[in-house]
C-alpha atoms as a PDB file:
ATOM      1  CA  UNK A   1       0.090  -0.035  -0.029  1.00  0.00           C
ATOM      2  CA  UNK A   2       0.988   3.564  -1.280  1.00  0.00           C
ATOM      3  CA  UNK A   3       1.269   6.051   1.488  1.00  0.00           C
ATOM      4  CA  UNK A   4       1.520   9.872  -0.415  1.00  0.00           C
ATOM      5  CA  UNK A   5       4.156  11.806   2.043  1.00  0.00           C
ATOM      6  CA  UNK A   6       2.849  14.513   4.342  1.00  0.00           C
ATOM      7  CA  UNK A   7       3.927  17.632   4.938  1.00  0.00           C
ATOM      8  CA  UNK A   8       4.066  17.405   8.650  1.00  0.00           C
ATOM      9  CA  UNK A   9       7.117  14.403   7.767  1.00  0.00           C
ATOM     10  CA  UNK A  10       9.754  16.954   6.988  1.00  0.00           C
ATOM     11  CA  UNK A  11      10.326  19.994  10.042  1.00  0.00           C
ATOM     12  CA  UNK A  12      13.366  21.471  11.043  1.00  0.00           C
ATOM     13  CA  UNK A  13      15.050  25.100  12.212  1.00  0.00           C
ATOM     14  CA  UNK A  14      14.868  27.934  10.031  1.00  0.00           C
ATOM     15  CA  UNK A  15      17.645  30.149  10.221  1.00  0.00           C
ATOM     16  CA  UNK A  16      16.677  32.939   7.694  1.00  0.00           C
ATOM     17  CA  UNK A  17      13.822  33.011   4.860  1.00  0.00           C
ATOM     18  CA  UNK A  18      15.865  35.505   3.033  1.00  0.00           C
ATOM     19  CA  UNK A  19      19.133  33.636   2.437  1.00  0.00           C
ATOM     20  CA  UNK A  20      18.927  30.218   0.148  1.00  0.00           C
ATOM     21  CA  UNK A  21      22.444  29.448   2.062  1.00  0.00           C
ATOM     22  CA  UNK A  22      21.056  29.321   5.346  1.00  0.00           C
ATOM     23  CA  UNK A  23      18.487  26.233   4.494  1.00  0.00           C
ATOM     24  CA  UNK A  24      18.248  22.661   5.571  1.00  0.00           C
ATOM     25  CA  UNK A  25      16.479  19.619   4.046  1.00  0.00           C
ATOM     26  CA  UNK A  26      13.461  19.972   5.414  1.00  0.00           C
ATOM     27  CA  UNK A  27      13.058  23.060   3.084  1.00  0.00           C
ATOM     28  CA  UNK A  28      14.236  21.528   0.494  1.00  0.00           C
ATOM     29  CA  UNK A  29      12.338  18.067  -0.015  1.00  0.00           C
ATOM     30  CA  UNK A  30       9.793  18.112  -1.951  1.00  0.00           C
ATOM     31  CA  UNK A  31       7.353  15.961  -2.301  1.00  0.00           C
ATOM     32  CA  UNK A  32       5.187  14.442  -4.921  1.00  0.00           C
ATOM     33  CA  UNK A  33       1.983  12.726  -5.424  1.00  0.00           C
ATOM     34  CA  UNK A  34       3.120  11.317  -8.701  1.00  0.00           C
ATOM     35  CA  UNK A  35       5.700  10.127 -10.220  1.00  0.00           C
ATOM     36  CA  UNK A  36       7.797  12.801 -11.105  1.00  0.00           C
ATOM     37  CA  UNK A  37      10.386  13.386 -14.695  1.00  0.00           C
ATOM     38  CA  UNK A  38      14.421  14.317 -14.309  1.00  0.00           C
ATOM     39  CA  UNK A  39      13.512  18.549 -14.207  1.00  0.00           C
ATOM     40  CA  UNK A  40      17.664  19.187 -13.330  1.00  0.00           C
ATOM     41  CA  UNK A  41      19.936  18.602 -15.491  1.00  0.00           C
ATOM     42  CA  UNK A  42      23.044  19.216 -13.141  1.00  0.00           C
ATOM     43  CA  UNK A  43      22.381  16.380 -10.330  1.00  0.00           C
ATOM     44  CA  UNK A  44      19.326  15.312 -11.841  1.00  0.00           C
ATOM     45  CA  UNK A  45      16.618  13.616  -9.284  1.00  0.00           C
ATOM     46  CA  UNK A  46      16.808  11.613  -6.027  1.00  0.00           C
ATOM     47  CA  UNK A  47      14.083   9.952  -5.065  1.00  0.00           C
ATOM     48  CA  UNK A  48      13.078   8.546  -1.254  1.00  0.00           C
ATOM     49  CA  UNK A  49      11.358   6.078  -0.823  1.00  0.00           C
ATOM     50  CA  UNK A  50      10.378   4.271   2.520  1.00  0.00           C
ATOM     51  CA  UNK A  51       9.360   1.123   3.516  1.00  0.00           C
ATOM     52  CA  UNK A  52       7.841   0.989   6.711  1.00  0.00           C
ATOM     53  CA  UNK A  53       7.742  -2.925   7.283  1.00  0.00           C
ATOM     54  CA  UNK A  54       8.867  -5.127   9.526  1.00  0.00           C
ATOM     55  CA  UNK A  55       7.172  -8.092   8.548  1.00  0.00           C
ATOM     56  CA  UNK A  56      10.311  -9.405   7.202  1.00  0.00           C
ATOM     57  CA  UNK A  57      11.507  -9.005  10.567  1.00  0.00           C
ATOM     58  CA  UNK A  58       8.818 -10.773  12.614  1.00  0.00           C
ATOM     59  CA  UNK A  59       8.866 -13.674  10.525  1.00  0.00           C
ATOM     60  CA  UNK A  60      12.599 -13.564  10.672  1.00  0.00           C
ATOM     61  CA  UNK A  61      12.179 -14.299  14.607  1.00  0.00           C
ATOM     62  CA  UNK A  62      14.005 -10.413  14.868  1.00  0.00           C
ATOM     63  CA  UNK A  63      13.099  -8.278  17.079  1.00  0.00           C
ATOM     64  CA  UNK A  64      10.317  -5.881  15.353  1.00  0.00           C
ATOM     65  CA  UNK A  65       9.675  -1.786  15.318  1.00  0.00           C
ATOM     66  CA  UNK A  66      12.415  -1.622  12.300  1.00  0.00           C
ATOM     67  CA  UNK A  67       8.582  -0.123  10.284  1.00  0.00           C
ATOM     68  CA  UNK A  68       9.079   3.168  12.367  1.00  0.00           C
ATOM     69  CA  UNK A  69      12.545   3.744  10.815  1.00  0.00           C
ATOM     70  CA  UNK A  70      11.568   5.646   8.179  1.00  0.00           C
ATOM     71  CA  UNK A  71       9.781   8.257   9.653  1.00  0.00           C
ATOM     72  CA  UNK A  72      12.787   9.126  12.223  1.00  0.00           C
ATOM     73  CA  UNK A  73      15.551   8.635   9.475  1.00  0.00           C
ATOM     74  CA  UNK A  74      13.154  11.670   7.852  1.00  0.00           C
ATOM     75  CA  UNK A  75      13.086  13.389  10.444  1.00  0.00           C
ATOM     76  CA  UNK A  76      17.019  12.938  11.353  1.00  0.00           C
ATOM     77  CA  UNK A  77      17.319  14.208   7.783  1.00  0.00           C
ATOM     78  CA  UNK A  78      14.908  17.449   8.441  1.00  0.00           C
ATOM     79  CA  UNK A  79      17.345  19.543   9.941  1.00  0.00           C
ATOM     80  CA  UNK A  80      20.578  19.311   8.525  1.00  0.00           C
ATOM     81  CA  UNK A  81      22.061  21.840   6.336  1.00  0.00           C
ATOM     82  CA  UNK A  82      21.578  21.588   3.254  1.00  0.00           C
ATOM     83  CA  UNK A  83      24.960  21.880   1.042  1.00  0.00           C
ATOM     84  CA  UNK A  84      23.921  20.499  -2.674  1.00  0.00           C
ATOM     85  CA  UNK A  85      21.539  21.485  -5.570  1.00  0.00           C
ATOM     86  CA  UNK A  86      19.750  18.474  -6.159  1.00  0.00           C
ATOM     87  CA  UNK A  87      16.739  17.718  -6.547  1.00  0.00           C
ATOM     88  CA  UNK A  88      15.109  15.373  -3.913  1.00  0.00           C
ATOM     89  CA  UNK A  89      11.752  14.280  -4.095  1.00  0.00           C
ATOM     90  CA  UNK A  90      10.025  12.249  -1.334  1.00  0.00           C
ATOM     91  CA  UNK A  91       8.455   9.798  -2.796  1.00  0.00           C
ATOM     92  CA  UNK A  92       6.299   8.859   0.490  1.00  0.00           C
ATOM     93  CA  UNK A  93       5.736   5.221   2.025  1.00  0.00           C
ATOM     94  CA  UNK A  94       5.341   1.679   1.226  1.00  0.00           C
ATOM     95  CA  UNK A  95       3.159  -0.874   3.361  1.00  0.00           C
ATOM     96  CA  UNK A  96       1.803  -4.629   3.812  1.00  0.00           C
ATOM     97  CA  UNK A  97       1.016  -5.964   7.394  1.00  0.00           C
ATOM     98  CA  UNK A  98       0.391  -9.584   5.097  1.00  0.00           C
ATOM     99  CA  UNK A  99       2.737 -10.687   2.962  1.00  0.00           C
ATOM    100  CA  UNK A 100       6.420  -9.859   2.906  1.00  0.00           C
ATOM    101  CA  UNK A 101       6.471 -11.465  -1.465  1.00  0.00           C
ATOM    102  CA  UNK A 102       3.791  -8.266  -1.835  1.00  0.00           C
ATOM    103  CA  UNK A 103       5.253  -5.264  -0.100  1.00  0.00           C
ATOM    104  CA  UNK A 104       9.050  -6.845  -2.598  1.00  0.00           C
ATOM    105  CA  UNK A 105       6.431  -6.422  -5.165  1.00  0.00           C
ATOM    106  CA  UNK A 106       4.756  -3.050  -4.847  1.00  0.00           C
ATOM    107  CA  UNK A 107       9.175  -1.806  -4.470  1.00  0.00           C
ATOM    108  CA  UNK A 108      10.282  -3.133  -6.952  1.00  0.00           C
ATOM    109  CA  UNK A 109       7.351  -2.120  -9.117  1.00  0.00           C
ATOM    110  CA  UNK A 110       7.648   2.008  -7.990  1.00  0.00           C
ATOM    111  CA  UNK A 111      11.645   1.436  -8.383  1.00  0.00           C
ATOM    112  CA  UNK A 112      11.341   0.531 -11.784  1.00  0.00           C
ATOM    113  CA  UNK A 113       9.442   3.165 -12.218  1.00  0.00           C
ATOM    114  CA  UNK A 114      11.055   5.582 -10.681  1.00  0.00           C
ATOM    115  CA  UNK A 115      14.548   4.958 -13.050  1.00  0.00           C
ATOM    116  CA  UNK A 116      12.766   5.086 -16.454  1.00  0.00           C
ATOM    117  CA  UNK A 117      12.274   9.190 -15.213  1.00  0.00           C
ATOM    118  CA  UNK A 118      16.075   9.063 -14.277  1.00  0.00           C
ATOM    119  CA  UNK A 119      16.136   8.337 -10.252  1.00  0.00           C
ATOM    120  CA  UNK A 120      18.542   7.626  -8.347  1.00  0.00           C
ATOM    121  CA  UNK A 121      16.682   6.002  -5.384  1.00  0.00           C
ATOM    122  CA  UNK A 122      17.578   5.630  -1.319  1.00  0.00           C
ATOM    123  CA  UNK A 123      15.337   2.888   0.443  1.00  0.00           C
ATOM    124  CA  UNK A 124      14.409   4.040   4.012  1.00  0.00           C
ATOM    125  CA  UNK A 125      14.088   1.300   6.095  1.00  0.00           C
ATOM    126  CA  UNK A 126      12.709  -1.289   7.452  1.00  0.00           C
ATOM    127  CA  UNK A 127      13.079  -4.784   7.294  1.00  0.00           C
ATOM    128  CA  UNK A 128      16.134  -5.716   5.269  1.00  0.00           C
ATOM    129  CA  UNK A 129      13.905  -7.812   2.947  1.00  0.00           C
ATOM    130  CA  UNK A 130      13.735  -4.428   1.089  1.00  0.00           C
ATOM    131  CA  UNK A 131      16.908  -5.102  -0.864  1.00  0.00           C
ATOM    132  CA  UNK A 132      14.909  -7.963  -3.180  1.00  0.00           C
ATOM    133  CA  UNK A 133      12.106  -4.899  -3.917  1.00  0.00           C
ATOM    134  CA  UNK A 134      15.314  -2.562  -4.671  1.00  0.00           C
ATOM    135  CA  UNK A 135      17.990  -4.861  -6.672  1.00  0.00           C
ATOM    136  CA  UNK A 136      14.199  -6.531  -8.770  1.00  0.00           C
ATOM    137  CA  UNK A 137      13.109  -3.135  -9.550  1.00  0.00           C
ATOM    138  CA  UNK A 138      16.354  -1.522 -10.741  1.00  0.00           C
ATOM    139  CA  UNK A 139      17.441  -4.896 -12.467  1.00  0.00           C
ATOM    140  CA  UNK A 140      14.116  -4.599 -14.252  1.00  0.00           C
ATOM    141  CA  UNK A 141      14.378  -0.856 -15.692  1.00  0.00           C
ATOM    142  CA  UNK A 142      18.036  -2.129 -16.846  1.00  0.00           C
ATOM    143  CA  UNK A 143      17.405  -5.353 -18.984  1.00  0.00           C
ATOM    144  CA  UNK A 144      14.763  -3.609 -21.102  1.00  0.00           C
ATOM    145  CA  UNK A 145      17.470  -1.486 -22.223  1.00  0.00           C
ATOM    146  CA  UNK A 146      20.302  -4.310 -22.527  1.00  0.00           C
ATOM    147  CA  UNK A 147      19.660  -7.914 -20.990  1.00  0.00           C
ATOM    148  CA  UNK A 148      23.076  -8.347 -20.646  1.00  0.00           C
ATOM    149  CA  UNK A 149      23.882  -5.795 -17.929  1.00  0.00           C
ATOM    150  CA  UNK A 150      25.751  -6.985 -15.037  1.00  0.00           C
ATOM    151  CA  UNK A 151      24.490  -5.315 -12.035  1.00  0.00           C
ATOM    152  CA  UNK A 152      25.844  -6.741  -8.801  1.00  0.00           C
ATOM    153  CA  UNK A 153      25.276  -5.702  -4.612  1.00  0.00           C
ATOM    154  CA  UNK A 154      27.249  -4.884  -1.394  1.00  0.00           C
ATOM    155  CA  UNK A 155      26.011  -4.938   1.647  1.00  0.00           C
ATOM    156  CA  UNK A 156      27.775  -3.226   4.892  1.00  0.00           C
ATOM    157  CA  UNK A 157      26.137  -6.021   7.060  1.00  0.00           C
ATOM    158  CA  UNK A 158      27.310  -7.962  10.395  1.00  0.00           C
ATOM    159  CA  UNK A 159      24.727 -10.869   8.881  1.00  0.00           C
ATOM    160  CA  UNK A 160      24.556 -12.654   5.002  1.00  0.00           C
ATOM    161  CA  UNK A 161      21.065 -12.737   4.682  1.00  0.00           C
ATOM    162  CA  UNK A 162      20.833 -16.145   2.395  1.00  0.00           C
ATOM    163  CA  UNK A 163      18.755 -18.003   4.788  1.00  0.00           C
ATOM    164  CA  UNK A 164      15.869 -20.582   3.322  1.00  0.00           C
ATOM    165  CA  UNK A 165      12.470 -19.048   2.426  1.00  0.00           C
ATOM    166  CA  UNK A 166      10.580 -21.692   1.360  1.00  0.00           C
ATOM    167  CA  UNK A 167       8.116 -20.826   3.760  1.00  0.00           C
ATOM    168  CA  UNK A 168       8.026 -17.282   3.040  1.00  0.00           C
ATOM    169  CA  UNK A 169      10.487 -14.708   2.457  1.00  0.00           C
ATOM    170  CA  UNK A 170      11.926 -12.751   5.412  1.00  0.00           C
ATOM    171  CA  UNK A 171      14.291 -10.268   6.632  1.00  0.00           C
ATOM    172  CA  UNK A 172      17.361 -12.704   6.541  1.00  0.00           C
ATOM    173  CA  UNK A 173      16.359 -14.436   2.805  1.00  0.00           C
ATOM    174  CA  UNK A 174      17.275 -11.044   0.749  1.00  0.00           C
ATOM    175  CA  UNK A 175      20.631 -12.305  -0.867  1.00  0.00           C
ATOM    176  CA  UNK A 176      19.159 -15.258  -1.667  1.00  0.00           C
ATOM    177  CA  UNK A 177      16.347 -14.815  -3.476  1.00  0.00           C
ATOM    178  CA  UNK A 178      18.904 -11.805  -5.629  1.00  0.00           C
ATOM    179  CA  UNK A 179      20.463 -15.473  -6.041  1.00  0.00           C
ATOM    180  CA  UNK A 180      17.551 -17.211  -7.434  1.00  0.00           C
ATOM    181  CA  UNK A 181      16.164 -14.414  -8.632  1.00  0.00           C
ATOM    182  CA  UNK A 182      19.481 -13.731 -11.271  1.00  0.00           C
ATOM    183  CA  UNK A 183      19.900 -17.833 -12.027  1.00  0.00           C
ATOM    184  CA  UNK A 184      16.247 -17.691 -13.172  1.00  0.00           C
ATOM    185  CA  UNK A 185      17.503 -15.342 -15.501  1.00  0.00           C
ATOM    186  CA  UNK A 186      20.239 -17.151 -16.292  1.00  0.00           C
ATOM    187  CA  UNK A 187      22.460 -14.184 -14.659  1.00  0.00           C
ATOM    188  CA  UNK A 188      24.982 -14.335 -12.409  1.00  0.00           C
ATOM    189  CA  UNK A 189      24.570 -13.652  -9.128  1.00  0.00           C
ATOM    190  CA  UNK A 190      27.416 -10.824  -7.356  1.00  0.00           C
ATOM    191  CA  UNK A 191      27.476 -10.466  -3.894  1.00  0.00           C
ATOM    192  CA  UNK A 192      29.992  -8.770  -1.152  1.00  0.00           C
ATOM    193  CA  UNK A 193      29.187  -8.330   2.100  1.00  0.00           C
ATOM    194  CA  UNK A 194      30.995  -6.634   4.314  1.00  0.00           C
ATOM    195  CA  UNK A 195      30.520  -6.596   7.966  1.00  0.00           C
ATOM    196  CA  UNK A 196      30.115 -10.209   8.578  1.00  0.00           C
ATOM    197  CA  UNK A 197      30.367 -11.871  12.147  1.00  0.00           C
ATOM    198  CA  UNK A 198      31.193 -15.350  13.050  1.00  0.00           C
ATOM    199  CA  UNK A 199      28.809 -15.140  15.680  1.00  0.00           C
ATOM    200  CA  UNK A 200      25.701 -14.553  14.007  1.00  0.00           C
ATOM    201  CA  UNK A 201      26.119 -17.017  10.661  1.00  0.00           C
ATOM    202  CA  UNK A 202      25.724 -20.895  11.074  1.00  0.00           C
ATOM    203  CA  UNK A 203      28.105 -22.874   9.493  1.00  0.00           C
ATOM    204  CA  UNK A 204      25.427 -23.681   7.109  1.00  0.00           C
ATOM    205  CA  UNK A 205      25.479 -20.010   5.782  1.00  0.00           C
ATOM    206  CA  UNK A 206      28.643 -19.903   5.124  1.00  0.00           C
ATOM    207  CA  UNK A 207      28.804 -23.002   2.741  1.00  0.00           C
ATOM    208  CA  UNK A 208      25.988 -21.269   0.936  1.00  0.00           C
ATOM    209  CA  UNK A 209      27.756 -18.066   0.386  1.00  0.00           C
ATOM    210  CA  UNK A 210      30.958 -20.500  -0.789  1.00  0.00           C
ATOM    211  CA  UNK A 211      28.655 -21.860  -3.130  1.00  0.00           C
ATOM    212  CA  UNK A 212      27.310 -18.587  -4.523  1.00  0.00           C
ATOM    213  CA  UNK A 213      30.651 -16.865  -5.243  1.00  0.00           C
ATOM    214  CA  UNK A 214      30.333 -14.199  -2.973  1.00  0.00           C
ATOM    215  CA  UNK A 215      32.940 -12.420  -1.034  1.00  0.00           C
ATOM    216  CA  UNK A 216      32.648 -12.030   2.548  1.00  0.00           C
ATOM    217  CA  UNK A 217      35.011  -9.595   4.915  1.00  0.00           C
ATOM    218  CA  UNK A 218      34.882 -10.408   7.863  1.00  0.00           C
ATOM    219  CA  UNK A 219      33.966  -7.573  10.653  1.00  0.00           C
ATOM    220  CA  UNK A 220      37.496  -7.895  12.486  1.00  0.00           C
ATOM    221  CA  UNK A 221      39.230  -6.538   8.865  1.00  0.00           C
ATOM    222  CA  UNK A 222      36.866  -3.796   8.664  1.00  0.00           C
ATOM    223  CA  UNK A 223      38.946  -0.816   9.612  1.00  0.00           C
ATOM    224  CA  UNK A 224      40.307   2.306   8.299  1.00  0.00           C
ATOM    225  CA  UNK A 225      43.858   0.683   8.777  1.00  0.00           C
ATOM    226  CA  UNK A 226      43.058  -2.321   6.562  1.00  0.00           C
ATOM    227  CA  UNK A 227      41.681   0.400   4.026  1.00  0.00           C
ATOM    228  CA  UNK A 228      43.741  -0.366   0.761  1.00  0.00           C
ATOM    229  CA  UNK A 229      43.622  -4.575   1.079  1.00  0.00           C
ATOM    230  CA  UNK A 230      39.893  -3.781   1.111  1.00  0.00           C
ATOM    231  CA  UNK A 231      40.024  -1.322  -2.286  1.00  0.00           C
ATOM    232  CA  UNK A 232      41.895  -3.697  -3.756  1.00  0.00           C
ATOM    233  CA  UNK A 233      39.403  -6.968  -2.905  1.00  0.00           C
ATOM    234  CA  UNK A 234      36.470  -4.753  -4.377  1.00  0.00           C
ATOM    235  CA  UNK A 235      38.568  -3.593  -7.431  1.00  0.00           C
ATOM    236  CA  UNK A 236      38.186  -7.420  -8.367  1.00  0.00           C
ATOM    237  CA  UNK A 237      34.415  -7.060  -7.278  1.00  0.00           C
ATOM    238  CA  UNK A 238      33.668  -4.588  -9.211  1.00  0.00           C
ATOM    239  CA  UNK A 239      35.367  -4.868 -12.386  1.00  0.00           C
ATOM    240  CA  UNK A 240      33.403  -6.508 -14.731  1.00  0.00           C
ATOM    241  CA  UNK A 241      30.158  -5.187 -13.030  1.00  0.00           C
ATOM    242  CA  UNK A 242      28.253  -2.356 -15.071  1.00  0.00           C
ATOM    243  CA  UNK A 243      25.485  -1.401 -11.914  1.00  0.00           C
ATOM    244  CA  UNK A 244      25.920  -1.619  -8.113  1.00  0.00           C
ATOM    245  CA  UNK A 245      23.064  -1.906  -5.511  1.00  0.00           C
ATOM    246  CA  UNK A 246      24.473  -1.125  -2.379  1.00  0.00           C
ATOM    247  CA  UNK A 247      23.288  -2.095   1.190  1.00  0.00           C
ATOM    248  CA  UNK A 248      23.509  -1.007   4.086  1.00  0.00           C
ATOM    249  CA  UNK A 249      21.767  -2.660   7.600  1.00  0.00           C
ATOM    250  CA  UNK A 250      22.631  -0.976  10.632  1.00  0.00           C
ATOM    251  CA  UNK A 251      23.220  -3.414  12.425  1.00  0.00           C
ATOM    252  CA  UNK A 252      26.628  -4.079  10.685  1.00  0.00           C
ATOM    253  CA  UNK A 253      27.768  -1.179  13.033  1.00  0.00           C
ATOM    254  CA  UNK A 254      29.086  -1.214  16.823  1.00  0.00           C
ATOM    255  CA  UNK A 255      25.993  -0.757  18.725  1.00  0.00           C
ATOM    256  CA  UNK A 256      27.537   1.905  20.876  1.00  0.00           C
ATOM    257  CA  UNK A 257      26.607   4.210  17.955  1.00  0.00           C
ATOM    258  CA  UNK A 258      23.370   2.228  16.394  1.00  0.00           C
ATOM    259  CA  UNK A 259      21.533   0.799  19.424  1.00  0.00           C
ATOM    260  CA  UNK A 260      18.453   1.168  17.575  1.00  0.00           C
ATOM    261  CA  UNK A 261      17.888  -1.642  15.357  1.00  0.00           C
ATOM    262  CA  UNK A 262      16.753  -5.524  14.980  1.00  0.00           C
ATOM    263  CA  UNK A 263      19.853  -7.604  15.671  1.00  0.00           C
ATOM    264  CA  UNK A 264      22.905  -5.535  17.455  1.00  0.00           C
ATOM    265  CA  UNK A 265      25.930  -6.484  16.395  1.00  0.00           C
ATOM    266  CA  UNK A 266      28.836  -8.243  18.714  1.00  0.00           C
ATOM    267  CA  UNK A 267      31.136  -7.035  17.298  1.00  0.00           C
ATOM    268  CA  UNK A 268      30.433  -3.576  14.660  1.00  0.00           C
ATOM    269  CA  UNK A 269      32.781  -1.227  13.093  1.00  0.00           C
ATOM    270  CA  UNK A 270      32.549   2.879  13.282  1.00  0.00           C
ATOM    271  CA  UNK A 271      30.770   4.946  10.955  1.00  0.00           C
ATOM    272  CA  UNK A 272      34.599   6.178   9.882  1.00  0.00           C
ATOM    273  CA  UNK A 273      34.852   3.416   8.200  1.00  0.00           C
ATOM    274  CA  UNK A 274      32.071   3.041   6.076  1.00  0.00           C
ATOM    275  CA  UNK A 275      32.111   7.252   5.153  1.00  0.00           C
ATOM    276  CA  UNK A 276      35.767   6.560   4.208  1.00  0.00           C
ATOM    277  CA  UNK A 277      34.754   3.455   1.666  1.00  0.00           C
ATOM    278  CA  UNK A 278      32.197   5.338  -0.191  1.00  0.00           C
ATOM    279  CA  UNK A 279      34.041   7.870  -2.386  1.00  0.00           C
ATOM    280  CA  UNK A 280      35.607   5.378  -2.446  1.00  0.00           C
ATOM    281  CA  UNK A 281      32.597   3.166  -4.268  1.00  0.00           C
ATOM    282  CA  UNK A 282      30.839   6.158  -5.267  1.00  0.00           C
ATOM    283  CA  UNK A 283      34.034   7.273  -7.640  1.00  0.00           C
ATOM    284  CA  UNK A 284      33.196   3.635  -9.838  1.00  0.00           C
ATOM    285  CA  UNK A 285      29.876   5.743 -10.796  1.00  0.00           C
ATOM    286  CA  UNK A 286      28.311   2.270 -11.192  1.00  0.00           C
ATOM    287  CA  UNK A 287      26.168   2.657  -7.966  1.00  0.00           C
ATOM    288  CA  UNK A 288      22.148   3.007  -8.831  1.00  0.00           C
ATOM    289  CA  UNK A 289      20.333   2.489  -5.708  1.00  0.00           C
ATOM    290  CA  UNK A 290      21.050   2.935  -1.839  1.00  0.00           C
ATOM    291  CA  UNK A 291      18.667   0.739   1.144  1.00  0.00           C
ATOM    292  CA  UNK A 292      19.264   1.795   4.714  1.00  0.00           C
ATOM    293  CA  UNK A 293      17.351  -1.012   6.467  1.00  0.00           C
ATOM    294  CA  UNK A 294      17.332  -2.221  10.234  1.00  0.00           C
ATOM    295  CA  UNK A 295      16.378   0.810  11.434  1.00  0.00           C
ATOM    296  CA  UNK A 296      14.563   0.521  14.550  1.00  0.00           C
ATOM    297  CA  UNK A 297      13.762   3.066  16.600  1.00  0.00           C
ATOM    298  CA  UNK A 298      12.119   0.604  19.476  1.00  0.00           C
ATOM    299  CA  UNK A 299      15.334   0.624  20.726  1.00  0.00           C
ATOM    300  CA  UNK A 300      17.294   3.973  19.768  1.00  0.00           C
ATOM    301  CA  UNK A 301      19.108   5.967  22.337  1.00  0.00           C
ATOM    302  CA  UNK A 302      19.045   9.613  21.764  1.00  0.00           C
ATOM    303  CA  UNK A 303      18.144   9.071  18.263  1.00  0.00           C
ATOM    304  CA  UNK A 304      22.051   7.936  17.335  1.00  0.00           C
ATOM    305  CA  UNK A 305      20.832   5.131  14.858  1.00  0.00           C
ATOM    306  CA  UNK A 306      18.381   7.477  13.051  1.00  0.00           C
ATOM    307  CA  UNK A 307      20.549  10.106  13.393  1.00  0.00           C
ATOM    308  CA  UNK A 308      23.675   7.455  12.027  1.00  0.00           C
ATOM    309  CA  UNK A 309      21.447   6.866   9.358  1.00  0.00           C
ATOM    310  CA  UNK A 310      20.851  10.022   8.260  1.00  0.00           C
ATOM    311  CA  UNK A 311      24.559  11.563   8.134  1.00  0.00           C
ATOM    312  CA  UNK A 312      25.728   8.237   5.898  1.00  0.00           C
ATOM    313  CA  UNK A 313      22.268   9.671   2.999  1.00  0.00           C
ATOM    314  CA  UNK A 314      23.205  13.163   3.192  1.00  0.00           C
ATOM    315  CA  UNK A 315      26.984  12.197   2.523  1.00  0.00           C
ATOM    316  CA  UNK A 316      25.911  10.212  -0.264  1.00  0.00           C
ATOM    317  CA  UNK A 317      23.388  12.175  -1.795  1.00  0.00           C
ATOM    318  CA  UNK A 318      27.338  14.406  -1.730  1.00  0.00           C
ATOM    319  CA  UNK A 319      28.795  11.923  -3.184  1.00  0.00           C
ATOM    320  CA  UNK A 320      25.362  11.324  -5.945  1.00  0.00           C
END
């Protein structure tokens, strides 16, 4: 179900109504009731989509509450200083309390439509099952123009999310769904997961990742002193790809930085690790979408998690 963005979703401090250099996000983000075409040749359009669902987390026996994630991320974004002349459009929320598969497909259809209009998509969430719908929507659009296009996914996460889904999709199945989706189209599955914790992933999940040819980086190796080695691995991974979806699960960060998640990290990495890699990743010009998953306000402290999510989005908008 689609819920259009409301004016009260965006609010914040107003410094000077006469000075365009003294504005904040809440004064610049546009709301829409229809998909708008790209009207800014200099920077394009960026669309925000709220994935206001934690049904997939519930199915996966996790802590619910991330359905409130999009609202809290918007609130954190609203008061941030505005620095980039780019059109950002809030496309509202999608939600479904009854079927993970249905909301994944609804997201895919919306993303494909946005891609046709030249929009870069940022999905706010919400349960990590969003990534399959996001990926499918982008791939469906790209394959209409070039059915040989090679697309991969990079995931910052403590979990591989390659769990089986015979009884239906859930927050832990997105990347296995992507693998099966690509296999059904006789295309390679390209997956790099950074931040994996041995404590949180069973041997069967590691075996599945190995069988699928996934790249894995352990959480203990996710630090600034290791950037040269990591970028070398990422170079190898991205070299033959045309397009990349970037997914950031907030539970990959150390819990002191991101306590408001559905499954807190045992080890985790610092925000600076991801922030240092983002310019490198976006310099490839292959990133075609971003999702921020598992922001769970029910367990947050001082809005740390939603504020971190907002800071990452702010940085990425500057890099787009």
